[in-house]
PDB file of N, CA and C in Angstrom:
ATOM      1  N   UNK A   1       6.456 -15.893  -5.396  1.00  0.00           N
ATOM      2  CA  UNK A   1       6.269 -14.608  -6.027  1.00  0.00           C
ATOM      3  C   UNK A   1       6.179 -13.542  -4.935  1.00  0.00           C
ATOM      4  N   UNK A   2       6.820 -12.423  -5.175  1.00  0.00           N
ATOM      5  CA  UNK A   2       6.770 -11.305  -4.232  1.00  0.00           C
ATOM      6  C   UNK A   2       5.433 -10.588  -4.389  1.00  0.00           C
ATOM      7  N   UNK A   3       4.765 -10.324  -3.269  1.00  0.00           N
ATOM      8  CA  UNK A   3       3.472  -9.642  -3.295  1.00  0.00           C
ATOM      9  C   UNK A   3       3.476  -8.492  -2.297  1.00  0.00           C
ATOM     10  N   UNK A   4       2.558  -7.553  -2.510  1.00  0.00           N
ATOM     11  CA  UNK A   4       2.464  -6.361  -1.680  1.00  0.00           C
ATOM     12  C   UNK A   4       1.042  -6.270  -1.128  1.00  0.00           C
ATOM     13  N   UNK A   5       0.937  -6.193   0.182  1.00  0.00           N
ATOM     14  CA  UNK A   5      -0.359  -6.183   0.859  1.00  0.00           C
ATOM     15  C   UNK A   5      -0.837  -4.752   1.081  1.00  0.00           C
ATOM     16  N   UNK A   6      -2.163  -4.586   1.021  1.00  0.00           N
ATOM     17  CA  UNK A   6      -2.779  -3.291   1.284  1.00  0.00           C
ATOM     18  C   UNK A   6      -4.077  -3.512   2.038  1.00  0.00           C
ATOM     19  N   UNK A   7      -4.538  -2.487   2.730  1.00  0.00           N
ATOM     20  CA  UNK A   7      -5.792  -2.562   3.472  1.00  0.00           C
ATOM     21  C   UNK A   7      -6.954  -2.671   2.491  1.00  0.00           C
ATOM     22  N   UNK A   8      -7.858  -3.650   2.663  1.00  0.00           N
ATOM     23  CA  UNK A   8      -8.998  -3.761   1.748  1.00  0.00           C
ATOM     24  C   UNK A   8      -9.964  -2.574   1.859  1.00  0.00           C
ATOM     25  N   UNK A   9      -9.994  -1.904   3.002  1.00  0.00           N
ATOM     26  CA  UNK A   9     -10.896  -0.766   3.185  1.00  0.00           C
ATOM     27  C   UNK A   9     -10.317   0.524   2.618  1.00  0.00           C
ATOM     28  N   UNK A  10      -9.049   0.788   2.910  1.00  0.00           N
ATOM     29  CA  UNK A  10      -8.470   2.081   2.542  1.00  0.00           C
ATOM     30  C   UNK A  10      -7.461   2.024   1.404  1.00  0.00           C
ATOM     31  N   UNK A  11      -6.908   0.849   1.136  1.00  0.00           N
ATOM     32  CA  UNK A  11      -5.876   0.721   0.113  1.00  0.00           C
ATOM     33  C   UNK A  11      -4.480   1.037   0.614  1.00  0.00           C
ATOM     34  N   UNK A  12      -4.335   1.418   1.872  1.00  0.00           N
ATOM     35  CA  UNK A  12      -3.036   1.797   2.439  1.00  0.00           C
ATOM     36  C   UNK A  12      -2.096   0.599   2.453  1.00  0.00           C
ATOM     37  N   UNK A  13      -0.879   0.822   2.014  1.00  0.00           N
ATOM     38  CA  UNK A  13       0.168  -0.201   1.967  1.00  0.00           C
ATOM     39  C   UNK A  13       0.394  -0.797   3.348  1.00  0.00           C
ATOM     40  N   UNK A  14       0.456  -2.147   3.412  1.00  0.00           N
ATOM     41  CA  UNK A  14       0.615  -2.839   4.676  1.00  0.00           C
ATOM     42  C   UNK A  14       1.907  -3.637   4.792  1.00  0.00           C
ATOM     43  N   UNK A  15       2.622  -3.811   3.685  1.00  0.00           N
ATOM     44  CA  UNK A  15       3.867  -4.579   3.741  1.00  0.00           C
ATOM     45  C   UNK A  15       3.988  -5.505   2.553  1.00  0.00           C
ATOM     46  N   UNK A  16       4.999  -6.372   2.613  1.00  0.00           N
ATOM     47  CA  UNK A  16       5.234  -7.288   1.500  1.00  0.00           C
ATOM     48  C   UNK A  16       5.527  -8.680   2.012  1.00  0.00           C
ATOM     49  N   UNK A  17       5.449  -9.644   1.109  1.00  0.00           N
ATOM     50  CA  UNK A  17       5.716 -11.030   1.455  1.00  0.00           C
ATOM     51  C   UNK A  17       5.891 -11.845   0.193  1.00  0.00           C
ATOM     52  N   UNK A  18       5.896 -13.147   0.359  1.00  0.00           N
ATOM     53  CA  UNK A  18       6.030 -14.063  -0.765  1.00  0.00           C
ATOM     54  C   UNK A  18       4.886 -15.060  -0.729  1.00  0.00           C
ATOM     55  N   UNK A  19       4.379 -15.416  -1.918  1.00  0.00           N
ATOM     56  CA  UNK A  19       3.228 -16.310  -2.028  1.00  0.00           C
ATOM     57  C   UNK A  19       3.366 -17.097  -3.323  1.00  0.00           C
ATOM     58  N   UNK A  20       2.937 -18.350  -3.315  1.00  0.00           N
ATOM     59  CA  UNK A  20       2.917 -19.134  -4.552  1.00  0.00           C
ATOM     60  C   UNK A  20       1.904 -18.518  -5.500  1.00  0.00           C
ATOM     61  N   UNK A  21       2.228 -18.479  -6.788  1.00  0.00           N
ATOM     62  CA  UNK A  21       1.332 -17.885  -7.784  1.00  0.00           C
ATOM     63  C   UNK A  21      -0.062 -18.497  -7.746  1.00  0.00           C
ATOM     64  N   UNK A  22      -0.138 -19.792  -7.522  1.00  0.00           N
ATOM     65  CA  UNK A  22      -1.446 -20.465  -7.511  1.00  0.00           C
ATOM     66  C   UNK A  22      -2.328 -20.018  -6.347  1.00  0.00           C
ATOM     67  N   UNK A  23      -1.741 -19.396  -5.327  1.00  0.00           N
ATOM     68  CA  UNK A  23      -2.508 -18.938  -4.168  1.00  0.00           C
ATOM     69  C   UNK A  23      -2.970 -17.485  -4.276  1.00  0.00           C
ATOM     70  N   UNK A  24      -2.569 -16.784  -5.325  1.00  0.00           N
ATOM     71  CA  UNK A  24      -2.921 -15.369  -5.469  1.00  0.00           C
ATOM     72  C   UNK A  24      -4.428 -15.143  -5.467  1.00  0.00           C
ATOM     73  N   UNK A  25      -5.169 -16.027  -6.103  1.00  0.00           N
ATOM     74  CA  UNK A  25      -6.633 -15.865  -6.210  1.00  0.00           C
ATOM     75  C   UNK A  25      -7.333 -16.036  -4.863  1.00  0.00           C
ATOM     76  N   UNK A  26      -6.707 -16.734  -3.937  1.00  0.00           N
ATOM     77  CA  UNK A  26      -7.342 -17.047  -2.652  1.00  0.00           C
ATOM     78  C   UNK A  26      -7.166 -15.972  -1.590  1.00  0.00           C
ATOM     79  N   UNK A  27      -6.235 -15.075  -1.793  1.00  0.00           N
ATOM     80  CA  UNK A  27      -5.937 -14.058  -0.786  1.00  0.00           C
ATOM     81  C   UNK A  27      -6.392 -12.693  -1.294  1.00  0.00           C
ATOM     82  N   UNK A  28      -7.096 -11.973  -0.430  1.00  0.00           N
ATOM     83  CA  UNK A  28      -7.577 -10.638  -0.798  1.00  0.00           C
ATOM     84  C   UNK A  28      -6.552  -9.577  -0.428  1.00  0.00           C
ATOM     85  N   UNK A  29      -6.697  -8.423  -1.019  1.00  0.00           N
ATOM     86  CA  UNK A  29      -5.922  -7.235  -0.683  1.00  0.00           C
ATOM     87  C   UNK A  29      -4.419  -7.431  -0.845  1.00  0.00           C
ATOM     88  N   UNK A  30      -4.026  -7.956  -2.000  1.00  0.00           N
ATOM     89  CA  UNK A  30      -2.613  -8.025  -2.342  1.00  0.00           C
ATOM     90  C   UNK A  30      -2.455  -7.853  -3.831  1.00  0.00           C
ATOM     91  N   UNK A  31      -1.265  -7.472  -4.230  1.00  0.00           N
ATOM     92  CA  UNK A  31      -0.969  -7.257  -5.639  1.00  0.00           C
ATOM     93  C   UNK A  31       0.493  -7.592  -5.903  1.00  0.00           C
ATOM     94  N   UNK A  32       0.810  -8.039  -7.116  1.00  0.00           N
ATOM     95  CA  UNK A  32       2.214  -8.226  -7.467  1.00  0.00           C
ATOM     96  C   UNK A  32       2.876  -6.918  -7.923  1.00  0.00           C
ATOM     97  N   UNK A  33       2.090  -5.849  -8.004  1.00  0.00           N
ATOM     98  CA  UNK A  33       2.597  -4.545  -8.443  1.00  0.00           C
ATOM     99  C   UNK A  33       3.254  -3.840  -7.255  1.00  0.00           C
ATOM    100  N   UNK A  34       4.533  -3.526  -7.379  1.00  0.00           N
ATOM    101  CA  UNK A  34       5.266  -2.871  -6.288  1.00  0.00           C
ATOM    102  C   UNK A  34       4.798  -1.425  -6.118  1.00  0.00           C
ATOM    103  N   UNK A  35       4.700  -0.974  -4.869  1.00  0.00           N
ATOM    104  CA  UNK A  35       4.355   0.433  -4.654  1.00  0.00           C
ATOM    105  C   UNK A  35       5.525   1.325  -5.060  1.00  0.00           C
ATOM    106  N   UNK A  36       5.239   2.592  -5.354  1.00  0.00           N
ATOM    107  CA  UNK A  36       6.325   3.511  -5.686  1.00  0.00           C
ATOM    108  C   UNK A  36       7.156   3.828  -4.441  1.00  0.00           C
ATOM    109  N   UNK A  37       8.360   4.318  -4.667  1.00  0.00           N
ATOM    110  CA  UNK A  37       9.168   4.778  -3.530  1.00  0.00           C
ATOM    111  C   UNK A  37       8.438   5.934  -2.865  1.00  0.00           C
ATOM    112  N   UNK A  38       8.556   5.978  -1.550  1.00  0.00           N
ATOM    113  CA  UNK A  38       7.887   7.051  -0.830  1.00  0.00           C
ATOM    114  C   UNK A  38       8.817   7.604   0.246  1.00  0.00           C
ATOM    115  N   UNK A  39       8.577   8.842   0.620  1.00  0.00           N
ATOM    116  CA  UNK A  39       9.398   9.543   1.595  1.00  0.00           C
ATOM    117  C   UNK A  39       8.596   9.783   2.873  1.00  0.00           C
ATOM    118  N   UNK A  40       9.276  10.296   3.875  1.00  0.00           N
ATOM    119  CA  UNK A  40       8.615  10.649   5.124  1.00  0.00           C
ATOM    120  C   UNK A  40       7.474  11.614   4.812  1.00  0.00           C
ATOM    121  N   UNK A  41       6.325  11.354   5.392  1.00  0.00           N
ATOM    122  CA  UNK A  41       5.166  12.212   5.138  1.00  0.00           C
ATOM    123  C   UNK A  41       4.312  11.767   3.967  1.00  0.00           C
ATOM    124  N   UNK A  42       4.652  10.619   3.348  1.00  0.00           N
ATOM    125  CA  UNK A  42       3.866  10.068   2.245  1.00  0.00           C
ATOM    126  C   UNK A  42       3.478   8.632   2.568  1.00  0.00           C
ATOM    127  N   UNK A  43       2.378   8.186   1.976  1.00  0.00           N
ATOM    128  CA  UNK A  43       1.943   6.807   2.149  1.00  0.00           C
ATOM    129  C   UNK A  43       1.414   6.290   0.806  1.00  0.00           C
ATOM    130  N   UNK A  44       1.857   5.084   0.384  1.00  0.00           N
ATOM    131  CA  UNK A  44       1.319   4.498  -0.842  1.00  0.00           C
ATOM    132  C   UNK A  44      -0.092   3.949  -0.595  1.00  0.00           C
ATOM    133  N   UNK A  45      -0.980   4.185  -1.542  1.00  0.00           N
ATOM    134  CA  UNK A  45      -2.360   3.707  -1.468  1.00  0.00           C
ATOM    135  C   UNK A  45      -2.679   3.011  -2.791  1.00  0.00           C
ATOM    136  N   UNK A  46      -3.203   1.777  -2.697  1.00  0.00           N
ATOM    137  CA  UNK A  46      -3.511   1.003  -3.898  1.00  0.00           C
ATOM    138  C   UNK A  46      -4.969   1.175  -4.280  1.00  0.00           C
ATOM    139  N   UNK A  47      -5.209   1.420  -5.576  1.00  0.00           N
ATOM    140  CA  UNK A  47      -6.563   1.517  -6.111  1.00  0.00           C
ATOM    141  C   UNK A  47      -6.844   0.197  -6.837  1.00  0.00           C
ATOM    142  N   UNK A  48      -7.693  -0.643  -6.257  1.00  0.00           N
ATOM    143  CA  UNK A  48      -7.973  -1.969  -6.822  1.00  0.00           C
ATOM    144  C   UNK A  48      -8.701  -1.874  -8.162  1.00  0.00           C
ATOM    145  N   UNK A  49      -9.459  -0.815  -8.392  1.00  0.00           N
ATOM    146  CA  UNK A  49     -10.182  -0.647  -9.648  1.00  0.00           C
ATOM    147  C   UNK A  49      -9.230  -0.403 -10.816  1.00  0.00           C
ATOM    148  N   UNK A  50      -8.275   0.504 -10.610  1.00  0.00           N
ATOM    149  CA  UNK A  50      -7.330   0.837 -11.685  1.00  0.00           C
ATOM    150  C   UNK A  50      -6.050   0.002 -11.623  1.00  0.00           C
ATOM    151  N   UNK A  51      -5.930  -0.803 -10.544  1.00  0.00           N
ATOM    152  CA  UNK A  51      -4.730  -1.632 -10.343  1.00  0.00           C
ATOM    153  C   UNK A  51      -3.458  -0.786 -10.374  1.00  0.00           C
ATOM    154  N   UNK A  52      -3.490   0.313  -9.612  1.00  0.00           N
ATOM    155  CA  UNK A  52      -2.323   1.190  -9.568  1.00  0.00           C
ATOM    156  C   UNK A  52      -2.164   1.803  -8.174  1.00  0.00           C
ATOM    157  N   UNK A  53      -0.929   2.209  -7.883  1.00  0.00           N
ATOM    158  CA  UNK A  53      -0.609   2.873  -6.623  1.00  0.00           C
ATOM    159  C   UNK A  53      -0.595   4.382  -6.826  1.00  0.00           C
ATOM    160  N   UNK A  54      -0.891   5.108  -5.762  1.00  0.00           N
ATOM    161  CA  UNK A  54      -0.701   6.552  -5.744  1.00  0.00           C
ATOM    162  C   UNK A  54      -0.092   6.912  -4.394  1.00  0.00           C
ATOM    163  N   UNK A  55       0.543   8.048  -4.332  1.00  0.00           N
ATOM    164  CA  UNK A  55       1.118   8.518  -3.079  1.00  0.00           C
ATOM    165  C   UNK A  55       0.246   9.624  -2.515  1.00  0.00           C
ATOM    166  N   UNK A  56      -0.080   9.500  -1.237  1.00  0.00           N
ATOM    167  CA  UNK A  56      -0.839  10.545  -0.552  1.00  0.00           C
ATOM    168  C   UNK A  56       0.039  11.167   0.513  1.00  0.00           C
ATOM    169  N   UNK A  57      -0.093  12.468   0.679  1.00  0.00           N
ATOM    170  CA  UNK A  57       0.624  13.180   1.740  1.00  0.00           C
ATOM    171  C   UNK A  57      -0.099  12.944   3.064  1.00  0.00           C
ATOM    172  N   UNK A  58       0.673  12.695   4.099  1.00  0.00           N
ATOM    173  CA  UNK A  58       0.126  12.519   5.438  1.00  0.00           C
ATOM    174  C   UNK A  58       0.119  13.884   6.108  1.00  0.00           C
ATOM    175  N   UNK A  59      -1.041  14.329   6.593  1.00  0.00           N
ATOM    176  CA  UNK A  59      -1.084  15.638   7.253  1.00  0.00           C
ATOM    177  C   UNK A  59      -0.160  15.650   8.471  1.00  0.00           C
ATOM    178  N   UNK A  60       0.601  16.705   8.608  1.00  0.00           N
ATOM    179  CA  UNK A  60       1.512  16.858   9.744  1.00  0.00           C
ATOM    180  C   UNK A  60       0.825  17.661  10.830  1.00  0.00           C
ATOM    181  N   UNK A  61       0.991  17.222  12.074  1.00  0.00           N
ATOM    182  CA  UNK A  61       0.456  17.981  13.206  1.00  0.00           C
ATOM    183  C   UNK A  61       1.356  19.188  13.460  1.00  0.00           C
ATOM    184  N   UNK A  62       0.759  20.336  13.683  1.00  0.00           N
ATOM    185  CA  UNK A  62       1.610  21.493  14.004  1.00  0.00           C
ATOM    186  C   UNK A  62       2.229  21.314  15.391  1.00  0.00           C
ATOM    187  N   UNK A  63       3.461  21.777  15.546  1.00  0.00           N
ATOM    188  CA  UNK A  63       4.123  21.732  16.844  1.00  0.00           C
ATOM    189  C   UNK A  63       3.570  22.849  17.729  1.00  0.00           C
ATOM    190  N   UNK A  64       3.274  22.485  18.954  1.00  0.00           N
ATOM    191  CA  UNK A  64       2.739  23.467  19.888  1.00  0.00           C
ATOM    192  C   UNK A  64       3.876  24.164  20.618  1.00  0.00           C
ATOM    193  N   UNK A  65       3.823  25.470  20.667  1.00  0.00           N
ATOM    194  CA  UNK A  65       4.828  26.253  21.409  1.00  0.00           C
ATOM    195  C   UNK A  65       4.366  26.397  22.841  1.00  0.00           C
ATOM    196  N   UNK A  66       5.313  26.389  23.737  1.00  0.00           N
ATOM    197  CA  UNK A  66       4.943  26.582  25.148  1.00  0.00           C
ATOM    198  C   UNK A  66       5.446  27.876  25.659  1.00  0.00           C
TER     199      UNK A  66
END
């Protein structure tokens, strides 16, 4: 089964992999729910309580002029 990993502390998407269904209960911080598509400057974050993903904007650093 395809699974999607997230940080247990922040919920930030960490990647994907494959796992036997019977092993799902033994591994923390993963879900079979795919994250939404995201663009540059966005990051998927999983909410374990609601079992859903949301997209957060990543703050951009301003470019310094010289």
